[in-house]
Protein backbone atom coordinates (compact mmCIF):
# COMPACT_ATOMS: atom_id res chain seq x y z
CA MET A 1 129.83 47.22 77.65
CA ASN A 2 126.98 48.23 75.22
CA SER A 3 129.30 51.12 73.57
CA ALA A 4 126.86 51.57 70.70
CA LEU A 5 124.84 52.87 73.48
CA ILE A 6 127.38 55.21 74.81
CA MET A 7 127.78 56.68 71.79
CA GLN A 8 124.30 56.84 71.30
CA ALA A 9 124.10 58.95 74.58
CA ASN A 10 127.11 61.02 73.02
CA LEU A 11 124.85 61.76 70.02
CA LEU A 12 121.47 62.44 71.92
CA LEU A 13 123.22 64.92 74.36
CA SER A 14 125.79 66.50 71.85
CA LEU A 15 123.01 67.02 69.10
CA VAL A 16 119.03 67.55 70.71
CA ILE A 17 119.43 67.28 74.97
CA CYS A 18 122.14 70.39 75.64
CA GLY A 19 121.07 72.53 72.64
CA LEU A 20 117.19 72.67 73.74
CA ALA A 21 117.99 72.88 77.19
CA GLN A 22 120.45 75.72 76.42
CA TYR A 23 117.59 77.16 74.25
CA VAL A 24 115.09 76.77 76.66
CA THR A 25 117.06 77.99 80.02
CA GLY A 26 119.59 79.93 78.71
CA ILE A 27 122.36 77.95 80.81
CA THR A 28 125.32 77.63 78.93
CA ALA A 29 126.49 74.93 81.59
CA PHE A 30 124.78 72.34 79.71
CA LEU A 31 127.70 72.20 77.09
CA TRP A 32 130.28 70.99 79.85
CA LEU A 33 127.95 67.54 79.27
CA PRO A 34 129.41 66.71 76.00
CA PHE A 35 132.99 67.64 76.99
CA LEU A 36 132.35 65.17 80.13
CA LEU A 37 130.84 62.01 78.22
CA ALA A 38 133.56 62.62 75.47
CA ILE A 39 136.14 62.13 78.52
CA ALA A 40 134.24 59.36 79.90
CA THR A 41 134.16 57.73 76.60
CA LEU A 42 137.87 57.87 76.20
CA MET A 43 138.41 56.19 80.06
CA LEU A 44 135.81 53.20 78.89
CA LEU A 45 137.89 52.52 76.15
CA PRO A 46 140.00 50.38 77.93
CA LEU A 47 137.16 48.21 79.35
CA GLN A 48 135.99 47.60 75.76
CA THR A 49 135.29 43.75 74.67
CA ARG A 50 137.18 43.01 71.66
CA TYR A 51 136.41 40.20 69.54
CA SER A 52 139.40 40.25 67.38
CA PRO A 53 142.90 42.06 68.17
CA LEU A 54 143.39 45.26 67.39
CA ARG A 55 145.59 45.30 64.48
CA LEU A 56 146.36 49.08 63.15
CA ASP A 57 147.95 49.41 59.89
CA TYR A 58 150.64 51.75 58.91
CA GLN A 59 148.12 54.62 57.64
CA GLU A 60 146.16 54.35 60.79
CA LYS A 61 149.51 54.53 63.04
CA VAL A 62 150.46 57.31 61.01
CA LEU A 63 147.07 58.99 61.71
CA LEU A 64 147.04 58.29 65.45
CA LEU A 65 150.68 59.63 65.30
CA LEU A 66 149.32 63.27 64.04
CA TYR A 67 146.44 63.03 66.06
CA CYS A 68 148.84 62.79 69.36
CA GLY A 69 151.16 65.22 68.13
CA LEU A 70 148.65 67.75 67.49
CA LEU A 71 146.91 67.05 71.02
CA VAL A 72 150.55 67.79 72.90
CA LEU A 73 151.39 70.57 70.79
CA ALA A 74 148.12 72.23 72.18
CA LEU A 75 147.99 71.59 75.31
CA LEU A 76 151.56 71.45 76.53
CA GLY A 77 151.77 74.88 74.46
CA THR A 78 148.86 76.51 76.50
CA LEU A 79 150.16 75.05 79.53
CA LEU A 80 153.16 76.69 79.86
CA GLN A 81 151.93 80.29 78.36
CA GLN A 82 148.56 80.02 80.16
CA GLY A 83 148.34 78.14 83.22
CA GLY A 84 146.16 74.95 84.22
CA MET A 85 142.84 76.80 84.25
CA VAL A 86 143.06 77.96 81.00
CA THR A 87 144.16 74.79 79.45
CA ILE A 88 141.22 72.44 80.63
CA ILE A 89 138.82 75.38 79.49
CA GLY A 90 140.30 75.59 76.22
CA PHE A 91 140.42 71.68 75.51
CA LYS A 92 136.88 71.37 76.69
CA ASN A 93 136.41 74.42 73.95
CA GLU A 94 138.08 73.19 71.12
CA LEU A 95 139.49 69.57 71.51
CA ALA A 96 137.65 67.81 73.86
CA LEU A 97 135.19 66.10 71.53
CA SER A 98 137.77 65.47 68.88
CA LEU A 99 138.79 62.29 71.78
CA LEU A 100 136.14 60.70 69.76
CA LEU A 101 138.72 60.13 66.78
CA PRO A 102 141.06 58.01 68.62
CA CYS A 103 137.98 56.25 70.60
CA LEU A 104 136.68 55.25 67.14
CA LEU A 105 139.85 54.66 65.55
CA LEU A 106 140.98 52.22 68.49
CA GLY A 107 137.73 50.07 68.13
CA PHE A 108 135.43 51.67 70.39
CA CYS A 109 132.42 50.92 68.39
CA ARG A 110 131.82 48.12 65.79
CA GLU A 111 130.78 48.46 62.07
CA SER A 112 127.56 46.90 63.33
CA GLN A 113 127.16 49.41 66.13
CA ILE A 114 127.72 52.50 63.26
CA TYR A 115 125.00 50.85 61.74
CA ARG A 116 122.68 51.58 64.70
CA ILE A 117 123.95 54.91 65.79
CA MET A 118 123.16 55.91 62.04
CA LYS A 119 119.62 55.02 62.38
CA LEU A 120 119.50 57.17 65.30
CA VAL A 121 121.04 59.99 63.02
CA GLU A 122 117.99 59.70 61.21
CA TRP A 123 115.29 60.23 64.06
CA VAL A 124 117.18 63.13 65.25
CA PHE A 125 116.67 64.94 61.59
CA TYR A 126 113.14 63.79 61.75
CA LEU A 127 112.99 65.64 65.58
CA GLN A 128 114.28 69.32 63.30
CA ILE A 129 111.03 69.26 61.18
CA PRO A 130 108.74 70.44 64.27
CA VAL A 131 111.27 71.89 66.29
CA VAL A 132 111.92 74.13 63.03
CA LEU A 133 108.17 74.82 62.33
CA PHE A 134 108.36 75.75 65.77
CA GLN A 135 110.77 78.20 65.71
CA VAL A 136 109.67 79.96 62.57
CA LEU A 137 106.03 80.26 63.17
CA VAL A 138 106.31 81.35 66.95
CA VAL A 139 110.04 82.56 68.15
CA VAL A 140 110.73 84.48 64.88
CA PRO A 141 107.71 86.75 64.86
CA LYS A 142 108.06 87.16 68.32
CA ARG A 143 111.53 88.21 67.72
CA VAL A 144 110.93 90.74 64.85
CA ALA A 145 108.01 92.30 66.83
CA LEU A 146 110.27 92.87 69.86
CA ARG A 147 113.62 93.79 68.06
CA GLY A 148 112.45 94.51 64.49
CA GLU A 149 113.03 92.60 60.77
CA PHE A 150 116.65 92.76 60.87
CA GLU A 151 117.09 91.22 63.89
CA LYS A 152 115.76 87.84 62.72
CA TRP A 153 118.83 86.46 61.63
CA ASP A 154 119.79 83.09 62.98
CA SER A 155 116.98 82.12 64.51
CA VAL A 156 116.17 78.63 63.34
CA VAL A 157 118.38 76.37 65.00
CA GLY A 158 116.45 73.28 65.72
CA THR A 159 117.87 71.46 68.63
CA PHE A 160 121.46 72.57 68.14
CA GLY A 161 121.00 75.55 70.54
CA GLY A 162 121.29 79.34 71.36
CA ASP A 163 119.53 82.44 72.14
CA PRO A 164 115.80 82.44 71.24
CA MET A 165 116.46 85.89 71.26
CA GLY A 166 119.91 86.53 69.79
CA GLY A 167 120.53 83.31 67.11
CA GLY A 168 122.01 80.58 67.92
CA ASN A 169 123.99 77.32 66.08
CA THR A 170 122.40 77.46 62.49
CA GLY A 171 125.34 76.98 60.59
CA ALA A 172 125.43 73.76 62.59
CA LEU A 173 121.71 72.54 61.67
CA GLY A 174 122.89 73.10 58.17
CA PHE A 175 125.77 70.84 58.29
CA PHE A 176 123.66 68.26 59.60
CA CYS A 177 121.19 69.02 56.93
CA LEU A 178 124.00 68.49 54.92
CA LEU A 179 125.20 65.03 55.98
CA VAL A 180 121.35 63.69 55.68
CA MET A 181 121.06 65.00 52.40
CA LEU A 182 124.59 63.19 51.39
CA ILE A 183 123.78 59.92 53.07
CA LYS A 184 120.46 59.71 51.21
CA LEU A 185 121.74 60.20 47.96
CA SER A 186 124.31 57.58 48.71
CA GLU A 187 121.86 54.95 49.76
CA PHE A 188 119.44 56.11 46.79
CA ARG A 189 122.55 55.68 44.52
CA HIS A 190 123.38 51.84 46.08
CA GLY A 191 119.50 50.89 45.47
CA LEU A 192 118.23 51.29 49.10
CA ILE A 193 115.49 53.88 49.01
CA SER A 194 113.36 54.85 46.60
CA ARG A 195 113.14 58.22 44.42
CA ARG A 196 110.38 59.84 46.64
CA SER A 197 112.23 58.54 49.59
CA VAL A 198 115.70 60.65 48.46
CA ALA A 199 113.63 63.42 47.10
CA PHE A 200 111.60 64.45 50.31
CA HIS A 201 115.01 64.03 52.78
CA ILE A 202 116.99 66.21 50.22
CA LEU A 203 114.18 68.73 49.62
CA ALA A 204 113.34 68.61 53.79
CA ALA A 205 116.83 69.21 54.36
CA PHE A 206 117.69 71.92 51.76
CA ALA A 207 114.10 74.15 52.93
CA ILE A 208 115.62 73.73 56.40
CA CYS A 209 118.78 75.58 55.32
CA VAL A 210 116.82 77.96 53.62
CA LEU A 211 114.77 78.74 56.92
CA ALA A 212 118.12 78.85 58.67
CA GLU A 213 119.75 81.03 55.97
CA VAL A 214 122.66 78.79 55.97
CA LYS A 215 124.61 80.24 52.65
CA PHE A 216 127.41 78.31 52.58
CA VAL A 217 125.98 75.06 52.35
CA ILE A 218 123.32 76.13 50.16
CA LEU A 219 125.74 77.12 47.99
CA LEU A 220 128.40 74.17 48.38
CA SER A 221 125.78 71.34 48.54
CA PRO A 222 125.29 70.65 44.76
CA LEU A 223 128.88 70.01 44.28
CA LEU A 224 128.74 67.51 46.85
CA LEU A 225 125.79 65.62 46.05
CA ALA A 226 127.66 65.62 42.88
CA TRP A 227 130.72 64.14 43.96
CA VAL A 228 129.12 61.59 46.11
CA TRP A 229 126.98 60.54 43.37
CA LEU A 230 129.92 60.02 41.09
CA SER A 231 132.07 58.59 43.60
CA PRO A 232 133.61 54.99 43.98
CA SER A 233 132.10 52.48 46.47
CA TYR A 234 133.11 49.54 48.25
CA VAL A 235 130.65 47.69 46.31
CA ARG A 236 131.31 46.44 42.96
CA GLY A 237 129.39 47.31 39.69
CA MET A 238 128.95 50.93 40.85
CA LYS A 239 130.32 52.83 37.81
CA SER A 240 127.39 52.84 35.65
CA TYR A 241 126.79 56.60 35.06
CA ASP A 242 123.31 57.58 33.70
CA ILE A 243 124.01 60.98 31.69
CA LYS A 244 120.15 61.66 31.51
CA ARG A 245 119.61 61.33 35.20
CA LEU A 246 122.76 63.16 36.01
CA LEU A 247 121.74 66.10 33.98
CA LEU A 248 118.19 65.94 35.87
CA ILE A 249 120.11 65.66 39.17
CA ALA A 250 122.07 69.00 38.23
CA LEU A 251 118.75 70.77 37.36
CA ALA A 252 117.03 69.94 40.06
CA MET A 253 119.76 70.88 42.06
CA THR A 254 120.56 74.52 40.09
CA ALA A 255 116.50 74.85 40.31
CA LEU A 256 116.91 74.67 44.35
CA VAL A 257 119.83 76.93 44.41
CA ALA A 258 118.00 79.29 42.23
CA VAL A 259 114.85 79.14 44.58
CA ALA A 260 116.90 79.60 47.20
CA VAL A 261 118.99 82.46 46.39
CA LEU A 262 115.44 84.12 45.56
CA VAL A 263 114.20 83.58 49.09
CA LEU A 264 117.32 85.02 51.03
CA ALA A 265 117.49 88.13 48.52
CA ALA A 266 113.58 88.76 49.45
CA SER A 267 114.31 88.30 53.33
CA TYR A 268 117.22 90.67 52.71
CA SER A 269 115.19 92.75 50.86
CA SER A 270 112.37 93.27 53.20
CA ALA A 271 114.95 93.54 56.23
CA PHE A 272 116.66 96.36 54.43
CA GLU A 273 113.50 98.29 53.66
CA GLY A 274 115.86 101.82 53.02
CA ALA A 275 118.77 100.28 51.08
CA GLY A 276 118.49 103.19 48.52
CA GLN A 277 117.53 101.57 44.73
CA GLN A 278 119.39 98.39 45.04
CA GLY A 279 117.41 95.00 43.95
CA ALA A 280 116.38 92.10 46.12
CA ILE A 281 119.52 89.71 43.82
CA GLU A 282 122.06 92.79 44.93
CA LEU A 283 121.27 92.71 48.28
CA PHE A 284 122.32 89.36 48.62
CA ILE A 285 125.41 89.43 46.32
CA ASP A 286 126.37 92.59 48.62
CA SER A 287 125.94 90.08 51.59
CA LEU A 288 128.29 87.88 50.37
CA GLY A 289 130.77 90.34 49.63
CA TYR A 290 132.14 91.21 52.80
CA ILE A 291 133.48 87.28 53.08
CA PHE A 292 136.27 88.28 50.23
CA ASP A 293 136.97 91.75 51.50
CA PRO A 294 140.77 91.56 53.18
CA ASN A 295 139.87 94.84 55.18
CA HIS A 296 136.30 94.30 56.83
CA ILE A 297 136.07 94.87 60.27
CA ASN A 298 132.51 95.22 61.93
CA PRO A 299 132.75 98.45 63.21
CA GLU A 300 130.17 97.85 65.87
CA THR A 301 131.50 93.94 67.07
CA GLY A 302 134.93 94.73 66.09
CA GLU A 303 134.66 91.38 64.23
CA LEU A 304 137.21 90.48 61.47
CA GLY A 305 135.97 89.37 57.88
CA ARG A 306 136.69 85.76 56.86
CA VAL A 307 139.55 86.84 54.45
CA THR A 308 140.97 89.62 56.74
CA THR A 309 141.74 87.02 59.31
CA LEU A 310 144.41 85.64 57.12
CA PHE A 311 145.85 89.00 56.38
CA PHE A 312 145.32 90.06 59.86
CA TRP A 313 147.19 87.14 61.29
CA ALA A 314 149.98 87.37 58.22
CA SER A 315 150.75 90.88 59.77
CA ASN A 316 150.48 90.52 63.79
CA GLY A 317 150.66 86.50 64.28
CA ASP A 318 154.63 87.20 65.06
CA HIS A 319 153.42 90.12 67.43
CA HIS A 320 155.29 87.91 70.86
CA GLY A 321 158.08 86.12 68.44
CA LEU A 322 158.64 83.64 65.90
CA SER A 323 158.31 81.05 68.03
CA ASN A 324 154.48 81.99 68.53
CA LEU A 325 154.00 82.54 65.11
CA LEU A 326 154.95 78.98 64.45
CA PHE A 327 153.35 77.19 67.69
CA GLY A 328 151.05 79.86 68.80
CA TYR A 329 149.72 81.72 71.99
CA GLY A 330 147.55 78.85 73.44
CA LEU A 331 144.21 77.35 73.30
CA ASN A 332 141.30 79.58 74.41
CA THR A 333 142.96 82.98 73.29
CA THR A 334 141.05 84.02 70.65
CA ASN A 335 138.06 82.95 72.15
CA HIS A 336 135.55 85.93 73.51
CA GLY A 337 132.78 84.15 74.20
CA SER A 338 134.26 81.51 76.81
CA THR A 339 134.06 81.64 80.82
CA LEU A 340 137.57 82.91 80.75
CA PRO A 341 138.00 84.88 77.75
CA GLY A 342 141.70 84.86 76.00
CA PHE A 343 143.69 87.94 76.28
CA LEU A 344 144.29 88.11 72.25
CA ASN A 345 141.35 90.13 71.47
CA PRO A 346 141.66 92.96 73.73
CA LEU A 347 145.12 93.18 72.71
CA PHE A 348 144.64 93.96 69.04
CA ASN A 349 140.61 95.20 69.73
CA VAL A 350 139.23 92.77 67.35
CA LEU A 351 137.47 89.68 67.70
CA LEU A 352 139.73 86.67 65.91
CA ASP A 353 137.65 83.81 66.44
CA SER A 354 135.22 84.81 63.38
CA THR A 355 136.76 81.59 61.66
CA SER A 356 138.22 78.41 62.62
CA LEU A 357 141.31 78.70 60.57
CA SER A 358 142.00 81.90 61.95
CA VAL A 359 141.62 80.11 65.81
CA LEU A 360 143.69 77.51 64.65
CA LEU A 361 146.45 79.87 63.42
CA TRP A 362 146.66 81.94 66.47
CA GLU A 363 146.45 79.41 68.86
CA VAL A 364 148.44 76.31 67.88
CA GLY A 365 150.53 78.20 65.21
CA LEU A 366 151.37 77.50 61.60
CA MET A 367 152.36 73.92 62.84
CA GLY A 368 149.50 73.00 64.49
CA THR A 369 147.50 74.55 61.53
CA LEU A 370 149.59 72.62 59.27
CA ILE A 371 149.14 68.86 61.48
CA PHE A 372 145.28 69.18 62.15
CA ILE A 373 144.84 70.34 58.03
CA ALA A 374 147.21 66.83 56.90
CA LEU A 375 145.39 64.67 59.92
CA ILE A 376 141.97 65.61 58.18
CA VAL A 377 143.40 65.33 54.78
CA LEU A 378 145.25 61.95 55.08
CA LEU A 379 142.21 60.54 57.19
CA LEU A 380 139.77 61.42 53.93
CA TRP A 381 142.25 59.79 51.52
CA CYS A 382 142.94 56.76 53.37
CA CYS A 383 139.07 56.18 53.61
CA ARG A 384 138.42 56.61 50.41
CA PRO A 385 136.36 53.48 48.90
CA ARG A 386 137.24 51.32 46.51
CA PRO A 387 135.18 48.34 45.01
CA LEU A 388 136.46 45.63 46.71
CA LEU A 389 133.25 43.86 47.40
CA ASP A 390 130.69 41.71 45.39
CA ARG A 391 127.05 42.68 45.84
CA GLN A 392 125.78 39.16 45.99
CA LEU A 393 127.61 38.10 49.08
CA LEU A 394 126.48 41.38 51.00
CA SER A 395 123.24 41.57 53.00
CA THR A 396 121.24 44.53 52.71
CA ALA A 397 122.41 46.06 55.95
CA ASP A 398 126.19 45.67 54.97
CA VAL A 399 125.17 47.42 51.71
CA ARG A 400 123.58 50.10 53.72
CA LEU A 401 126.60 50.79 55.85
CA LEU A 402 129.17 50.59 53.08
CA SER A 403 126.95 53.33 51.34
CA TYR A 404 127.70 55.89 54.20
CA GLN A 405 131.61 56.08 53.20
CA PRO A 406 131.27 58.20 50.36
CA ALA A 407 128.56 60.58 52.26
CA PHE A 408 131.15 60.52 55.03
CA ILE A 409 134.36 61.45 52.98
CA ALA A 410 131.95 64.38 51.65
CA PHE A 411 130.83 65.72 54.85
CA GLY A 412 134.81 65.52 56.08
CA ILE A 413 135.47 67.88 52.61
CA ALA A 414 132.93 70.38 53.43
CA CYS A 415 133.55 70.63 57.33
CA LEU A 416 137.71 70.87 55.98
CA LEU A 417 136.48 73.96 53.37
CA SER A 418 134.32 75.49 56.19
CA LEU A 419 137.58 75.98 58.08
CA PRO A 420 138.20 79.75 56.52
CA TYR A 421 134.74 80.34 56.35
CA SER A 422 133.51 79.91 59.85
CA GLN A 423 133.98 79.02 63.45
CA LEU A 424 132.32 75.97 63.70
CA LEU A 425 134.80 73.44 63.94
CA MET A 426 136.80 75.13 66.81
CA LEU A 427 133.93 76.54 68.75
CA ILE A 428 130.57 74.83 68.68
CA PRO A 429 130.47 71.34 70.20
CA VAL A 430 127.61 70.15 67.68
CA GLN A 431 129.32 70.85 64.71
CA GLN A 432 132.34 69.25 66.63
CA PHE A 433 130.78 66.40 67.76
CA LEU A 434 129.41 66.01 63.85
CA PHE A 435 132.87 66.33 62.25
CA TYR A 436 134.46 63.83 64.79
CA PHE A 437 132.23 61.01 64.64
CA VAL A 438 131.49 61.17 61.35
CA LEU A 439 135.40 60.48 60.59
CA GLY A 440 135.65 57.90 63.27
CA ALA A 441 132.67 55.89 61.66
CA ALA A 442 134.17 56.15 58.10
CA LEU A 443 137.65 54.90 59.63
CA VAL A 444 135.50 52.12 61.50
CA ILE A 445 133.85 51.01 57.85
CA ARG A 446 137.42 51.58 56.47
CA SER A 447 138.87 48.90 58.83
CA SER A 448 136.03 46.60 58.65
CA VAL A 449 135.94 46.32 55.04
CA ARG A 450 139.91 45.97 55.15
CA GLN A 451 139.82 42.94 57.67
CA ALA A 452 136.92 41.70 55.56
CA THR A 453 138.90 41.33 52.41
CA CYS A 454 141.90 40.06 54.03
CA SER A 455 139.97 36.84 55.32
CA CYS A 456 138.58 36.43 51.98
CA GLU A 457 141.98 36.22 50.16
CA VAL A 458 143.39 33.78 53.02
CA SER A 459 140.38 31.77 52.72
C-alpha cells in the first residue's frame, strides 16, 4: 500500500480540490470529502506494511492516551446529550481530520514519504499565486462593483474555498503562507537554498497575506521567523549566530510589516471614506480595537468579540449546571453554519463560535479544553529538536527533512496562539488538515531521529 500517495491525496483534496470546487459551484457538500478520506486513512492503517516493529516511547504513549481521552470525552458527551446525528455532524466538522495525527503517530507514513509530501506542499503554494492574482484582478473588482468598497473583505482565498461574493477562508490561506515562510527560512538556515530563493518565497507568501488581509499572520510572522532562525536543530553545529545577519533579517521583517500596515491602512481608509477626521493608521488601529474589547457584540450579526467570548463563557458556561461547565454541551452546539445548527446560539441570541477557544470551552468544557491544550503543548515539547546528528553522515535529502522540524514547531505554536483569535482550528477543514498533518509529521521526524540515534549507540 502506497501510504504516501494516500496522504498526498488527502493534501490535494483538502488544500486544492474541495476549496476550488466549493468556490466555483457554491456546493458546501464537497467539505465532506476530507472527512471521508480521513476515515478511510484510519481504516487503512492496519493494512500498512511495517518494515520495523512499532515501538512507541512513553511520551508518545501519553500523547496517544491524551488524544483518545479527548475523543472519548467529546464523542460520548455529544452522544449522550444530543444524539447520534449531531455526534456524526459535530465529529465531521470539528474532530475528524484530527485522525491524521494518530495515523502518523502509529506509522502510517515513513520519514521518506513525509519528504515527498512536503515537496507537494511547495507546488500547492506555487498554485496559489495565479489563483490569488485572478481573485485580486477579477473577483475583487466585480464584488466591489456589486456591493461597494466596504464589502471587499475576505475576497482573496486562493484555493482554500469560500464564496466569491461573500468571502472565504482567508485565514487558512494566511496560515499556509506562514508555513511556507517558516519552512523556507529553515531550509536557508540549513544551507539548502539560496538567498534569492528564500527572499522570493517569503516576499511572495507575505504579499499574499497582505492581499488576503490576514492581520494575525502579518503581525506574528516576524516573531516566528526569528524563533525558527534561533531554534536548535537536529544537525550539530547550527548554533553559530551571525549578529549582523540577525539584525538585517529583523530590519527586513520590520520594514515588511510596516509596509503591510500602511497598505492595509490605506485599504481601510478607502473603504471608510466618511470616517470623519481619522487618518489611515488610526483606522487600522481601530480595526484591531474590537479584538480586546471585553463587551463587544456585533449589532448586525450577534457575533461576540474575541475577548468577549471568554467573559461570556465565564458568566454563562454553567447555564445547565456545573457538569456542562466542566465537560461541555457536546460537539456542534455552537456552530451556526452547520447543516444542523447548534442550540446554544439561539439560546443566548449571540454567535459563540467566533474563536476556537470559545468553541472548545462550550462544547467539550474546561476539562476537554485543558486536555486539548495539554496534548498540543506536550507534543510540541517532545518534538523540539536537539543537536544529535553529524551533517557529514547525512544526505542532502536527510538534512532537508530535518530542517522542517523547527518550522513545524513554530507553525504549531502559531496555531495554538490562534485559539483565542479565530475559529480556524475547530471549523475550517483546510486549517485542520494543515495543523494535524504538521504535528503528525513532526512526530514522524522525531521517531526517525530517535531510531537513528538508538541504532548508532547500539553499533
